[in-house]
Amino acid sequence: MTLEPQNIRVFLVDDHPTMLWGLERLIEGAGPRMAVAGTAASFDEARARVPEVEPDVVVLDMDLGGRSSLELMPFILERCVAQILVLTAGRDQATLDRAMVSGARGVVSKAAPAQQVLDAIEAVHRGEVWLEGKDLGRVFSQLVQGHGCAAPQPAQQTLPVPHERLTTRERRIVACVVEQSGGSNAALADCLCIAEHTLRNHLSTIYQKLGVHNRLELYVYALKHQLDQA
């Protein structure tokens, strides 16, 4: 399929040939709104090809030939701006929570209906978090309580905390992210009365200042440091 500017460029990673073939047909059938930018059938192939292709969304099988994709996610996120949607056949909560903490935008089951997979791809591409309601609540709760992530280091008196570097406008954006935690970037931009591309630019700067990677981590950081008020 020829990739058009409006296509969501989707890269598919799965070590099962039948599943990979089916995902390709599914994405191709959803054109022109999305198209297959590339595929990989192994951990090493994905590591080599994803940064080269620079897709918008990576649909990533959780288990690649017995090797966890948790090892692959930081590599992808450091080298391209793709959103990661985890595809899994299992329901191990600890592993799925670690995937979200590692930077995934969402988790979808291999048993999910085809339309749900497509909806999940579009949602993470918009910057939304895709999780079942009970999973979303659990992930937020565990992260806010400090489970599943590194314990905070003792504060150094000579160094300012990261959020002290935020401007007044950036603090307002953070507060709005908390207020509309499940909303799309478009809804968030409307709330702030700014363009969506302007919002994305602000979020990129905020992520860099706070050392977070996505809206889920930003939400947790904001709650921990009581940044939910503009």
Foldseek 3Di string as FASTA:
>chain_A
DDQDPQAQAEEEEAQPVVLVVVVQVLQVVPPPNYHYQYYYNALVRCLPPCLVSQGQEYAYEQARPNDGCLVVLVSNVVRHPHAYEYEYQDDPLLSLLLSVQSGHQEYDYPPDDSVVVVVCRVQVSQQFRYDPPVSLVVSLVCVLVPHNDDDDDPDDPVDDQLCVPDDPLLLVLLLLCLVCVGDTLCVSCVVVVHDSVVSVVSVVVSCVSNVHRGSSVSNSVCSNVVSNPD
